[in-house]
Amino acid sequence: MAFRETCAMEERIAMLRDYDSGAFSVRELSARYGISRETFYVWRGRRASGEAGWFLDRSHAVKSCAFRTEAELVERIVAMRRRFAHFGPKKIRARLFLDAPGEAWPAASTIGDILKREGLVEPVRRRRRPIEQGRPAREPLAVNSEWCVDFKGWFRTREGQRVDPLTVTDNASRYLLGVRIVRPTHEEVKPDLERLFHEFGLPESMRSDNGTPFGSGGAGGLSRLSVWLLKLGVEPRFGRPASPQDNGRHERMHRTLKAQTTRPAAATAAEQQERFDDFRRHFNEERPHEALDQRPPAKAWSPSVRPMPTKVDDPWYDADHEVRRVRPNGEIKWRGEHVFIGEALAGEMVGVAERDAGEYLVRFSHHDLGLIDPEKTFHRFAPPRAWRGETVETKQE
């Protein structure tokens, strides 16, 4: 029993003993013991009731609550948490409504209290967020208008095998199209994307970072993979360097993927791939997403209406373009000189159009690569890296 509570009980007994002596009035006792006269009468009445522990504090907790969650619902909430250990109260509530929409499930805050009471919530230290200073407005995305592709950071299995998970999502619906262990090379990434394109159709664009094999430091930021995408009619979109927030939706999925499949890693790469496959099914079909009104991504996604073509043609150029095929060493023949354009375009047809002051614009498909100056020197363009919602303007000054 706490020291302060013990002292309070002794003072109550002493106060009523002083009262019984007749030497003090109620007003004097109230002032002496620092209480109101009403409180004195309460304790006197408690003693007069004959209650053995009249001098003890009583609990202020309610004896019953009309809004207490029924025990059967509590059991189902706890069972759902044990089934989906990574779900918070909002997702648990959404998942319960999906399974039993007619049930009167409690609010997310009540579910959170139940999980805490059952010892199923670990306290998380919250970090203060910096004050936002405003962002460009983002354009609304349609399903399959933009896919995101990236590698989640590599790690090793318990047997020491290196694992590089290639992930692809639809940006609008958050649908996880693929998680495959492939090496981060053109030779392995291209076949996996081909498999997805045959299965799900083509997106309008593909967002990625600037690293290999998606982008490069060459003309227009193009790599062999992004050149291939352009020939398919898929626009490559590159984020700003060192700005993963430009692809925040995909990065958030990576955090969930890491938490649920790699802690700890599987023993072998084959077992790790099985975990990825199970996670993809769970993420798409079972896990509610707050941005989708607590629906799983599979409820918001549908395959693309653009099929993978059986034949990939060379790009077409307007009549004011002179067409050159890039040699295996990345050069074109221009006005009697060999001009280096880029090895990523080896074997491809580029168009060259005259501009002012004797300069010539070089482009592949509709993607501007750079300028050839009057001295036959090629000046490459960086890729257009507008954040989603900004207007892309390639300056050619």
Protein backbone atom coordinates (compact mmCIF):
# COMPACT_ATOMS: atom_id res chain seq x y z
CA MET A 1 0.00 0.00 0.00
CA ALA A 2 1.35 3.43 -0.92
CA PHE A 3 2.70 5.70 1.85
CA ARG A 4 0.34 8.56 1.01
CA GLU A 5 -2.69 6.28 1.14
CA THR A 6 -1.56 4.92 4.54
CA CYS A 7 -1.23 8.45 5.93
CA ALA A 8 -4.69 9.37 4.64
CA MET A 9 -6.28 6.40 6.41
CA GLU A 10 -4.54 7.25 9.70
CA GLU A 11 -5.72 10.88 9.45
CA ARG A 12 -9.33 9.79 8.94
CA ILE A 13 -9.24 7.54 12.02
CA ALA A 14 -7.55 10.28 14.09
CA MET A 15 -10.07 12.89 12.90
CA LEU A 16 -13.07 10.83 13.99
CA ARG A 17 -11.32 10.00 17.31
CA ASP A 18 -10.86 13.74 17.91
CA TYR A 19 -14.53 14.25 17.05
CA ASP A 20 -15.59 11.60 19.59
CA SER A 21 -13.60 13.40 22.29
CA GLY A 22 -15.94 16.39 22.05
CA ALA A 23 -13.04 18.83 22.26
CA PHE A 24 -13.39 20.05 18.66
CA SER A 25 -16.21 21.31 16.48
CA VAL A 26 -16.80 20.08 12.94
CA ARG A 27 -15.51 23.41 11.59
CA GLU A 28 -12.30 23.14 13.62
CA LEU A 29 -11.70 19.51 12.56
CA SER A 30 -12.26 20.38 8.89
CA ALA A 31 -9.71 23.19 9.06
CA ARG A 32 -7.26 21.07 11.07
CA TYR A 33 -7.32 18.15 8.60
CA GLY A 34 -7.63 20.26 5.43
CA ILE A 35 -11.00 18.98 4.21
CA SER A 36 -14.44 20.46 3.65
CA ARG A 37 -17.27 20.01 6.13
CA GLU A 38 -19.14 17.92 3.50
CA THR A 39 -16.19 15.53 3.29
CA PHE A 40 -16.13 15.22 7.09
CA TYR A 41 -19.79 14.16 7.10
CA VAL A 42 -19.08 11.59 4.35
CA TRP A 43 -16.40 9.89 6.46
CA ARG A 44 -18.53 10.08 9.59
CA GLY A 45 -21.39 8.43 7.69
CA ARG A 46 -19.06 5.73 6.35
CA ARG A 47 -17.98 4.87 9.92
CA ALA A 48 -21.54 4.88 11.17
CA SER A 49 -22.53 2.33 8.49
CA GLY A 50 -20.53 -0.31 10.35
CA GLU A 51 -18.40 -1.10 7.28
CA ALA A 52 -15.15 -2.77 8.41
CA GLY A 53 -12.93 -0.84 6.02
CA TRP A 54 -14.79 2.45 6.17
CA PHE A 55 -11.51 4.43 6.20
CA LEU A 56 -10.30 2.92 2.85
CA ASP A 57 -10.60 4.68 -0.52
CA ARG A 58 -13.20 3.15 -2.80
CA SER A 59 -12.62 2.46 -6.49
CA HIS A 60 -14.07 5.05 -8.86
CA ALA A 61 -14.34 2.55 -11.69
CA VAL A 62 -17.80 1.94 -13.08
CA LYS A 63 -19.35 -1.37 -12.08
CA SER A 64 -20.77 -1.98 -15.55
CA CYS A 65 -20.53 -0.42 -19.01
CA ALA A 66 -23.37 -0.55 -21.49
CA PHE A 67 -20.95 -0.06 -24.40
CA ARG A 68 -18.45 -2.77 -23.43
CA THR A 69 -17.44 -4.89 -26.44
CA GLU A 70 -18.92 -8.36 -26.25
CA ALA A 71 -16.48 -11.12 -25.33
CA GLU A 72 -17.19 -13.02 -28.57
CA LEU A 73 -16.25 -9.96 -30.67
CA VAL A 74 -13.11 -9.45 -28.60
CA GLU A 75 -12.06 -13.05 -29.31
CA ARG A 76 -12.57 -12.54 -33.05
CA ILE A 77 -10.59 -9.29 -32.97
CA VAL A 78 -7.73 -10.97 -31.14
CA ALA A 79 -7.85 -13.93 -33.56
CA MET A 80 -7.64 -11.54 -36.53
CA ARG A 81 -4.61 -9.83 -34.99
CA ARG A 82 -2.91 -13.19 -34.45
CA ARG A 83 -3.68 -14.11 -38.05
CA PHE A 84 -2.32 -10.82 -39.41
CA ALA A 85 0.35 -9.83 -36.92
CA HIS A 86 1.39 -6.77 -38.98
CA PHE A 87 -2.09 -5.22 -39.15
CA GLY A 88 -2.92 -2.18 -37.02
CA PRO A 89 -6.42 -1.36 -35.65
CA LYS A 90 -7.65 0.30 -38.88
CA LYS A 91 -6.65 -2.61 -41.10
CA ILE A 92 -7.98 -5.17 -38.61
CA ARG A 93 -11.35 -3.39 -38.58
CA ALA A 94 -11.41 -3.20 -42.39
CA ARG A 95 -10.50 -6.88 -42.65
CA LEU A 96 -13.25 -7.83 -40.16
CA PHE A 97 -15.81 -5.89 -42.20
CA LEU A 98 -14.67 -7.69 -45.35
CA ASP A 99 -15.22 -11.07 -43.69
CA ALA A 100 -18.41 -10.13 -41.79
CA PRO A 101 -19.89 -6.88 -43.17
CA GLY A 102 -23.12 -7.19 -41.17
CA GLU A 103 -21.42 -7.31 -37.77
CA ALA A 104 -21.35 -4.27 -35.46
CA TRP A 105 -17.58 -4.02 -35.17
CA PRO A 106 -16.21 -1.44 -32.72
CA ALA A 107 -14.27 1.65 -33.76
CA ALA A 108 -10.57 1.42 -34.61
CA SER A 109 -9.71 3.21 -31.36
CA THR A 110 -11.60 0.57 -29.36
CA ILE A 111 -9.85 -2.20 -31.26
CA GLY A 112 -6.56 -0.52 -30.41
CA ASP A 113 -7.51 -0.53 -26.71
CA ILE A 114 -8.42 -4.22 -26.90
CA LEU A 115 -5.08 -5.08 -28.51
CA LYS A 116 -3.22 -3.13 -25.83
CA ARG A 117 -5.16 -4.86 -23.07
CA GLU A 118 -4.34 -8.25 -24.58
CA GLY A 119 -0.64 -7.38 -24.82
CA LEU A 120 -0.63 -7.53 -28.64
CA VAL A 121 0.72 -4.03 -29.27
CA GLU A 122 4.34 -3.04 -28.86
CA PRO A 123 4.94 0.63 -28.04
CA VAL A 124 6.50 2.54 -30.93
CA ARG A 125 8.57 5.65 -30.43
CA ARG A 126 7.12 8.35 -32.66
CA ARG A 127 9.50 10.69 -34.42
CA ARG A 128 8.59 14.31 -34.92
CA ARG A 129 7.92 15.06 -38.54
CA PRO A 130 9.34 18.18 -40.16
CA ILE A 131 6.91 20.89 -41.17
CA GLU A 132 5.83 20.52 -44.79
CA GLN A 133 6.37 23.57 -46.98
CA GLY A 134 4.09 22.50 -49.79
CA ARG A 135 4.44 20.13 -52.73
CA PRO A 136 3.50 20.21 -56.38
CA ALA A 137 -0.02 18.93 -56.96
CA ARG A 138 -0.01 15.37 -58.23
CA GLU A 139 -2.13 14.43 -61.20
CA PRO A 140 -4.73 11.71 -60.64
CA LEU A 141 -3.49 8.32 -61.81
CA ALA A 142 -5.55 5.72 -63.63
CA VAL A 143 -4.99 2.00 -63.31
CA ASN A 144 -2.06 0.94 -65.54
CA SER A 145 -1.21 4.53 -66.45
CA GLU A 146 2.03 4.15 -64.48
CA TRP A 147 3.85 1.14 -63.10
CA CYS A 148 6.76 1.40 -60.69
CA VAL A 149 9.79 -0.86 -60.94
CA ASP A 150 12.70 -1.07 -58.52
CA PHE A 151 15.00 -3.37 -56.61
CA LYS A 152 14.47 -3.66 -52.87
CA GLY A 153 17.86 -3.50 -51.21
CA TRP A 154 19.73 -6.77 -51.55
CA PHE A 155 20.38 -9.08 -48.62
CA ARG A 156 21.67 -12.62 -48.02
CA THR A 157 19.85 -15.77 -47.04
CA ARG A 158 20.93 -17.67 -43.95
CA GLU A 159 23.05 -19.86 -46.24
CA GLY A 160 24.81 -16.79 -47.64
CA GLN A 161 23.10 -16.53 -51.05
CA ARG A 162 22.61 -12.99 -52.35
CA VAL A 163 18.98 -12.00 -52.99
CA ASP A 164 17.98 -9.06 -55.24
CA PRO A 165 14.15 -8.74 -55.27
CA LEU A 166 12.79 -6.99 -58.38
CA THR A 167 9.41 -5.44 -57.54
CA VAL A 168 6.75 -4.01 -59.85
CA THR A 169 3.55 -2.25 -58.74
CA ASP A 170 0.70 -0.39 -60.38
CA ASN A 171 0.87 3.13 -58.95
CA ALA A 172 -2.85 3.87 -58.92
CA SER A 173 -4.18 0.65 -57.38
CA ARG A 174 -0.99 -0.31 -55.44
CA TYR A 175 -1.39 -3.78 -56.99
CA LEU A 176 1.83 -5.76 -56.63
CA LEU A 177 2.40 -7.28 -60.06
CA GLY A 178 5.62 -9.11 -59.27
CA VAL A 179 8.31 -9.85 -56.71
CA ARG A 180 11.05 -11.96 -58.30
CA ILE A 181 14.63 -12.72 -57.36
CA VAL A 182 16.72 -11.65 -60.37
CA ARG A 183 20.12 -10.07 -60.75
CA PRO A 184 20.06 -6.30 -61.41
CA THR A 185 21.18 -6.66 -65.03
CA HIS A 186 19.53 -6.01 -68.38
CA GLU A 187 19.82 -9.71 -69.27
CA GLU A 188 17.68 -10.78 -66.29
CA VAL A 189 15.35 -7.83 -65.78
CA LYS A 190 14.10 -7.66 -69.39
CA PRO A 191 12.80 -11.29 -69.48
CA ASP A 192 10.97 -10.76 -66.19
CA LEU A 193 9.30 -7.60 -67.49
CA GLU A 194 8.41 -9.45 -70.68
CA ARG A 195 6.69 -12.10 -68.58
CA LEU A 196 4.66 -9.43 -66.76
CA PHE A 197 3.75 -7.66 -70.01
CA HIS A 198 2.51 -10.93 -71.54
CA GLU A 199 0.50 -11.73 -68.41
CA PHE A 200 -0.92 -8.30 -67.52
CA GLY A 201 -0.53 -6.15 -70.65
CA LEU A 202 1.46 -2.93 -71.11
CA PRO A 203 1.33 0.16 -68.88
CA GLU A 204 1.45 3.63 -70.37
CA SER A 205 4.62 4.48 -68.44
CA MET A 206 7.19 2.93 -66.12
CA ARG A 207 8.65 4.89 -63.19
CA SER A 208 12.08 3.98 -61.85
CA ASP A 209 15.24 5.42 -60.39
CA ASN A 210 18.19 6.45 -62.56
CA GLY A 211 20.38 3.45 -61.84
CA THR A 212 21.21 0.45 -63.95
CA PRO A 213 19.53 -1.29 -65.66
CA PHE A 214 16.63 1.20 -65.75
CA GLY A 215 18.51 4.41 -66.57
CA SER A 216 22.02 5.60 -67.33
CA GLY A 217 24.22 8.66 -67.45
CA GLY A 218 24.11 8.59 -71.26
CA ALA A 219 22.03 10.52 -73.78
CA GLY A 220 18.57 11.27 -72.42
CA GLY A 221 19.30 9.02 -69.44
CA LEU A 222 18.39 6.00 -71.58
CA SER A 223 19.65 2.48 -71.02
CA ARG A 224 19.11 -0.55 -73.23
CA LEU A 225 16.08 -1.41 -71.09
CA SER A 226 14.46 2.03 -71.39
CA VAL A 227 15.15 2.03 -75.15
CA TRP A 228 13.26 -1.26 -75.36
CA LEU A 229 10.39 0.22 -73.32
CA LEU A 230 10.13 3.18 -75.70
CA LYS A 231 9.88 0.82 -78.66
CA LEU A 232 6.99 -0.92 -76.88
CA GLY A 233 5.22 2.41 -76.40
CA VAL A 234 5.93 2.52 -72.65
CA GLU A 235 7.25 5.89 -71.47
CA PRO A 236 10.20 5.61 -69.04
CA ARG A 237 9.95 8.09 -66.17
CA PHE A 238 12.92 8.76 -63.93
CA GLY A 239 12.84 10.18 -60.42
CA ARG A 240 15.15 12.90 -59.24
CA PRO A 241 18.57 11.67 -58.11
CA ALA A 242 18.72 10.70 -54.42
CA SER A 243 14.97 11.37 -54.04
CA PRO A 244 13.21 8.11 -53.09
CA GLN A 245 10.21 10.18 -51.94
CA ASP A 246 9.36 10.71 -55.62
CA ASN A 247 8.40 7.04 -55.64
CA GLY A 248 6.98 7.03 -52.12
CA ARG A 249 4.15 4.56 -52.70
CA HIS A 250 6.55 1.92 -53.97
CA GLU A 251 9.05 2.58 -51.18
CA ARG A 252 6.28 2.18 -48.59
CA MET A 253 5.46 -1.23 -50.06
CA HIS A 254 9.14 -2.13 -49.77
CA ARG A 255 9.05 -1.38 -46.05
CA THR A 256 6.11 -3.74 -45.57
CA LEU A 257 7.76 -6.39 -47.75
CA LYS A 258 10.96 -6.22 -45.70
CA ALA A 259 9.15 -6.45 -42.37
CA GLN A 260 7.05 -9.47 -43.35
CA THR A 261 9.48 -11.55 -45.41
CA THR A 262 13.09 -10.87 -44.41
CA ARG A 263 13.16 -10.72 -40.59
CA PRO A 264 14.82 -13.17 -40.44
CA ALA A 265 15.73 -14.13 -44.00
CA ALA A 266 14.91 -17.61 -45.30
CA ALA A 267 17.51 -20.33 -45.40
CA THR A 268 17.70 -20.53 -49.22
CA ALA A 269 16.80 -18.35 -52.19
CA ALA A 270 14.06 -20.82 -53.20
CA GLU A 271 12.44 -20.55 -49.77
CA GLN A 272 12.77 -16.77 -49.90
CA GLN A 273 10.98 -16.70 -53.27
CA GLU A 274 8.15 -18.71 -51.74
CA ARG A 275 7.85 -16.07 -49.03
CA PHE A 276 7.70 -13.35 -51.70
CA ASP A 277 4.96 -15.24 -53.58
CA ASP A 278 2.90 -15.63 -50.39
CA PHE A 279 3.41 -11.95 -49.56
CA ARG A 280 2.25 -10.88 -53.03
CA ARG A 281 -1.01 -12.83 -52.63
CA HIS A 282 -1.52 -11.45 -49.12
CA PHE A 283 -0.70 -7.85 -50.15
CA ASN A 284 -3.05 -7.92 -53.16
CA GLU A 285 -5.98 -9.92 -51.82
CA GLU A 286 -6.06 -9.70 -48.02
CA ARG A 287 -4.35 -6.52 -46.85
CA PRO A 288 -6.70 -3.48 -46.77
CA HIS A 289 -5.15 -0.24 -48.02
CA GLU A 290 -6.16 3.03 -46.40
CA ALA A 291 -5.74 5.02 -49.65
CA LEU A 292 -8.19 2.62 -51.32
CA ASP A 293 -10.93 3.09 -48.71
CA GLN A 294 -9.61 0.04 -46.86
CA ARG A 295 -10.01 -2.21 -49.89
CA PRO A 296 -7.23 -4.59 -50.91
CA PRO A 297 -5.46 -3.66 -54.18
CA ALA A 298 -7.03 -6.57 -56.08
CA LYS A 299 -10.41 -4.82 -55.73
CA ALA A 300 -9.07 -1.69 -57.48
CA TRP A 301 -6.88 -3.21 -60.20
CA SER A 302 -7.66 -4.70 -63.62
CA PRO A 303 -5.35 -5.92 -66.41
CA SER A 304 -4.21 -3.49 -69.08
CA VAL A 305 -6.08 -3.32 -72.37
CA ARG A 306 -2.76 -2.89 -74.23
CA PRO A 307 -1.40 -6.34 -75.11
CA MET A 308 2.26 -7.16 -75.52
CA PRO A 309 2.96 -6.89 -79.28
CA THR A 310 4.22 -9.93 -81.16
CA LYS A 311 6.60 -7.73 -83.17
CA VAL A 312 8.50 -4.64 -82.03
CA ASP A 313 8.97 -2.10 -84.83
CA ASP A 314 11.53 0.67 -85.21
CA PRO A 315 10.26 4.15 -84.27
CA TRP A 316 8.75 6.37 -86.96
CA TYR A 317 10.03 9.91 -87.67
CA ASP A 318 8.54 12.91 -89.46
CA ALA A 319 9.72 13.86 -92.93
CA ASP A 320 11.91 16.69 -91.61
CA HIS A 321 14.15 14.15 -89.82
CA GLU A 322 17.16 12.45 -91.31
CA VAL A 323 17.31 8.87 -90.08
CA ARG A 324 20.53 7.16 -89.00
CA ARG A 325 21.14 3.71 -87.53
CA VAL A 326 23.45 3.72 -84.53
CA ARG A 327 26.51 1.53 -84.99
CA PRO A 328 27.55 -1.14 -82.43
CA ASN A 329 30.10 1.29 -80.96
CA GLY A 330 27.37 3.92 -80.35
CA GLU A 331 28.29 6.22 -83.27
CA ILE A 332 26.37 7.55 -86.25
CA LYS A 333 27.77 8.83 -89.53
CA TRP A 334 26.91 12.53 -89.81
CA ARG A 335 28.08 14.91 -92.52
CA GLY A 336 31.23 12.87 -93.13
CA GLU A 337 32.07 12.53 -89.42
CA HIS A 338 31.56 9.80 -86.82
CA VAL A 339 29.53 11.23 -83.93
CA PHE A 340 29.14 9.26 -80.70
CA ILE A 341 25.53 9.14 -79.47
CA GLY A 342 25.47 6.28 -76.96
CA GLU A 343 26.04 2.53 -76.74
CA ALA A 344 22.58 1.99 -75.25
CA LEU A 345 21.18 2.86 -78.72
CA ALA A 346 23.41 0.46 -80.68
CA GLY A 347 21.49 -0.96 -83.62
CA GLU A 348 18.58 1.48 -83.22
CA MET A 349 17.23 4.09 -85.63
CA VAL A 350 17.52 7.72 -84.49
CA GLY A 351 16.11 10.85 -86.12
CA VAL A 352 18.10 14.05 -86.61
CA ALA A 353 16.24 17.34 -87.20
CA GLU A 354 17.80 20.71 -87.98
CA ARG A 355 17.41 23.56 -85.51
CA ASP A 356 18.52 27.18 -85.48
CA ALA A 357 22.19 28.24 -85.65
CA GLY A 358 23.32 25.11 -87.43
CA GLU A 359 22.48 22.75 -84.55
CA TYR A 360 20.75 19.41 -85.01
CA LEU A 361 18.42 17.76 -82.50
CA VAL A 362 18.87 14.00 -82.11
CA ARG A 363 15.95 11.96 -80.81
CA PHE A 364 14.94 8.37 -80.38
CA SER A 365 11.22 7.92 -80.96
CA HIS A 366 9.82 11.08 -79.29
CA HIS A 367 12.58 11.15 -76.64
CA ASP A 368 15.13 13.93 -77.16
CA LEU A 369 18.71 12.75 -76.73
CA GLY A 370 20.86 15.83 -77.34
CA LEU A 371 22.28 18.31 -79.86
CA ILE A 372 24.96 18.08 -82.55
CA ASP A 373 26.70 21.45 -82.80
CA PRO A 374 28.28 22.91 -85.98
CA GLU A 375 31.63 21.34 -85.00
CA LYS A 376 30.00 17.85 -85.12
CA THR A 377 30.17 17.45 -81.34
CA PHE A 378 27.23 15.78 -79.58
CA HIS A 379 25.93 17.35 -76.35
CA ARG A 380 23.68 14.90 -74.52
CA PHE A 381 20.55 15.84 -72.57
CA ALA A 382 19.83 14.62 -69.07
CA PRO A 383 16.50 12.81 -68.74
CA PRO A 384 13.40 14.88 -67.89
CA ARG A 385 12.96 14.25 -64.18
CA ALA A 386 9.79 16.09 -63.22
CA TRP A 387 8.13 15.00 -60.03
CA ARG A 388 4.67 13.60 -60.47
CA GLY A 389 2.44 16.64 -60.95
CA GLU A 390 5.09 18.97 -62.37
CA THR A 391 5.19 19.88 -66.05
CA VAL A 392 8.04 18.26 -67.94
CA GLU A 393 9.94 20.75 -70.06
CA THR A 394 13.23 19.71 -71.61
CA LYS A 395 15.32 22.84 -72.07
CA GLN A 396 17.32 22.88 -75.28
CA GLU A 397 19.15 26.16 -75.14
